[in-house]
Structures are given as C-alpha cells and as structure tokens.
C-alpha cells in the first residue's frame, strides 16, 4: 500500500494537482464507502510518506492529499506538521497552501 500511494502522490504532485483520500483508497483497491476501516490505514501511510520526505529535506508530500468536502487536508496533516516542527500554529490554510505549493514545485521539476 505504501509504495502505490507514494507513487501516486508523486505523479499527482508532478501535475500540480490534488487527490482526495477517497481517490487514494481507489488506488490501492479499497472502496471508501465500504472499506472505511481499512481506508483509515491510508492516513498512517500519508504520515509515513511525509515523515520520510521531511527527513530528506523535502516538503510534506501528503499536502496534496485532501478531504473531498473541504479540498484541504484533514486535521491529522496539521498535527503531524506541528509534530515535525514545520508548523507552530496560526492560519492552517496559509500553511497548507505554502506546503502544497512547495511539494508541487519540487515534484514538477522531477
């Protein structure tokens, strides 16, 4: 699951686009509406991907994975950003836009 999600995130970032959690579930063969318990594993994978990226000096790649209803990441993204020391507090939306743009810029150049 990790490799498939990571590869999809890179491809989406290269296109400077976003992907919903529901769409990511489909990438790994899960139905968001039927397999929600299993789909929650996606959040752990997104966290692991971002931790790995930050350790390499990159932006949080999970910034491009968003909720379908709000089109921004869920609260776990911001909690992880604080845990990683990338974000203290303030305006979530502004932080997310900057992190999303940084991910887009990095991966669109690859």
Protein backbone atom coordinates (compact mmCIF):
# COMPACT_ATOMS: atom_id res chain seq x y z
CA UNK A 1 0.00 0.00 0.00
CA UNK A 2 2.79 2.42 0.89
CA UNK A 3 4.60 2.20 -2.46
CA UNK A 4 1.42 2.58 -4.51
CA UNK A 5 0.32 5.62 -2.53
CA UNK A 6 3.77 7.20 -2.65
CA UNK A 7 4.00 6.75 -6.42
CA UNK A 8 0.50 8.17 -6.92
CA UNK A 9 1.31 11.19 -4.74
CA UNK A 10 4.46 11.89 -6.77
CA UNK A 11 2.53 11.69 -10.05
CA UNK A 12 -0.23 13.96 -8.77
CA UNK A 13 2.34 16.47 -7.48
CA UNK A 14 4.14 16.44 -10.83
CA UNK A 15 0.86 17.55 -12.44
CA UNK A 16 0.40 20.22 -9.72
CA UNK A 17 -2.91 18.68 -8.80
CA UNK A 18 -4.67 17.32 -5.71
CA UNK A 19 -6.04 13.88 -4.84
CA UNK A 20 -8.78 13.07 -2.36
CA UNK A 21 -8.46 10.45 0.34
CA UNK A 22 -11.30 8.60 -1.40
CA UNK A 23 -9.36 8.59 -4.69
CA UNK A 24 -6.25 7.30 -2.88
CA UNK A 25 -8.33 4.46 -1.47
CA UNK A 26 -9.23 3.50 -5.03
CA UNK A 27 -5.55 3.46 -5.99
CA UNK A 28 -4.97 0.63 -3.52
CA UNK A 29 -8.20 -1.18 -4.41
CA UNK A 30 -10.33 -0.05 -1.48
CA UNK A 31 -13.86 1.31 -1.61
CA UNK A 32 -14.06 4.36 0.68
CA UNK A 33 -17.76 3.76 1.36
CA UNK A 34 -17.49 0.00 2.05
CA UNK A 35 -13.97 -0.40 3.46
CA UNK A 36 -13.68 2.75 5.58
CA UNK A 37 -11.98 0.88 8.44
CA UNK A 38 -9.26 -0.32 6.09
CA UNK A 39 -9.16 3.05 4.34
CA UNK A 40 -8.12 4.71 7.59
CA UNK A 41 -4.75 2.97 7.09
CA UNK A 42 -4.18 5.48 4.31
CA UNK A 43 -3.73 8.20 6.93
CA UNK A 44 -0.87 6.26 8.53
CA UNK A 45 0.75 5.80 5.13
CA UNK A 46 0.40 9.50 4.36
CA UNK A 47 2.05 10.29 7.66
CA UNK A 48 4.93 7.90 6.96
CA UNK A 49 5.42 9.40 3.49
CA UNK A 50 5.58 12.93 4.88
CA UNK A 51 7.96 11.95 7.68
CA UNK A 52 10.27 10.36 5.12
CA UNK A 53 10.06 13.38 2.82
CA UNK A 54 10.77 15.87 5.63
CA UNK A 55 13.76 13.78 6.73
CA UNK A 56 15.12 14.24 3.20
CA UNK A 57 14.65 18.00 3.40
CA UNK A 58 11.51 17.97 1.23
CA UNK A 59 8.06 19.42 1.88
CA UNK A 60 5.28 17.22 3.23
CA UNK A 61 4.09 15.34 0.14
CA UNK A 62 0.81 14.48 1.87
CA UNK A 63 -0.14 18.16 1.45
CA UNK A 64 -1.66 17.22 -1.89
CA UNK A 65 -3.99 14.62 -0.34
CA UNK A 66 -7.22 16.32 0.67
CA UNK A 67 -10.69 15.76 2.01
CA UNK A 68 -13.34 15.62 -0.69
CA UNK A 69 -15.65 18.08 1.07
CA UNK A 70 -13.17 20.83 2.02
CA UNK A 71 -10.44 20.26 -0.59
CA UNK A 72 -7.78 20.69 2.13
CA UNK A 73 -6.09 18.06 4.30
CA UNK A 74 -7.73 16.85 7.47
CA UNK A 75 -6.61 17.75 10.99
CA UNK A 76 -4.05 14.93 11.10
CA UNK A 77 -1.96 16.73 8.49
CA UNK A 78 -1.65 19.81 10.68
CA UNK A 79 -0.96 17.74 13.81
CA UNK A 80 1.86 15.94 12.01
CA UNK A 81 3.23 19.26 10.70
CA UNK A 82 3.40 20.56 14.27
CA UNK A 83 5.00 17.30 15.48
CA UNK A 84 7.63 17.62 12.74
CA UNK A 85 8.35 21.22 13.69
CA UNK A 86 7.20 22.56 10.31
CA UNK A 87 4.23 24.47 11.69
CA UNK A 88 3.71 26.01 15.10
CA UNK A 89 0.24 27.43 14.91
CA UNK A 90 -1.61 30.15 13.12
CA UNK A 91 -3.53 30.06 9.91
CA UNK A 92 -3.89 26.44 8.76
CA UNK A 93 -4.96 27.37 5.24
CA UNK A 94 -1.94 29.59 4.58
CA UNK A 95 0.44 26.94 5.90
CA UNK A 96 -1.19 24.28 3.77
CA UNK A 97 -1.04 26.40 0.59
CA UNK A 98 2.67 27.04 1.14
CA UNK A 99 3.40 23.36 1.79
CA UNK A 100 1.26 22.24 -1.17
CA UNK A 101 3.00 24.71 -3.48
CA UNK A 102 6.41 23.59 -2.25
CA UNK A 103 5.52 19.95 -2.97
CA UNK A 104 4.20 20.88 -6.41
CA UNK A 105 7.35 22.85 -7.22
CA UNK A 106 9.67 20.08 -6.06
CA UNK A 107 7.96 17.23 -7.87
CA UNK A 108 7.03 19.11 -11.05
CA UNK A 109 10.75 19.62 -11.62
CA UNK A 110 11.45 15.85 -11.47
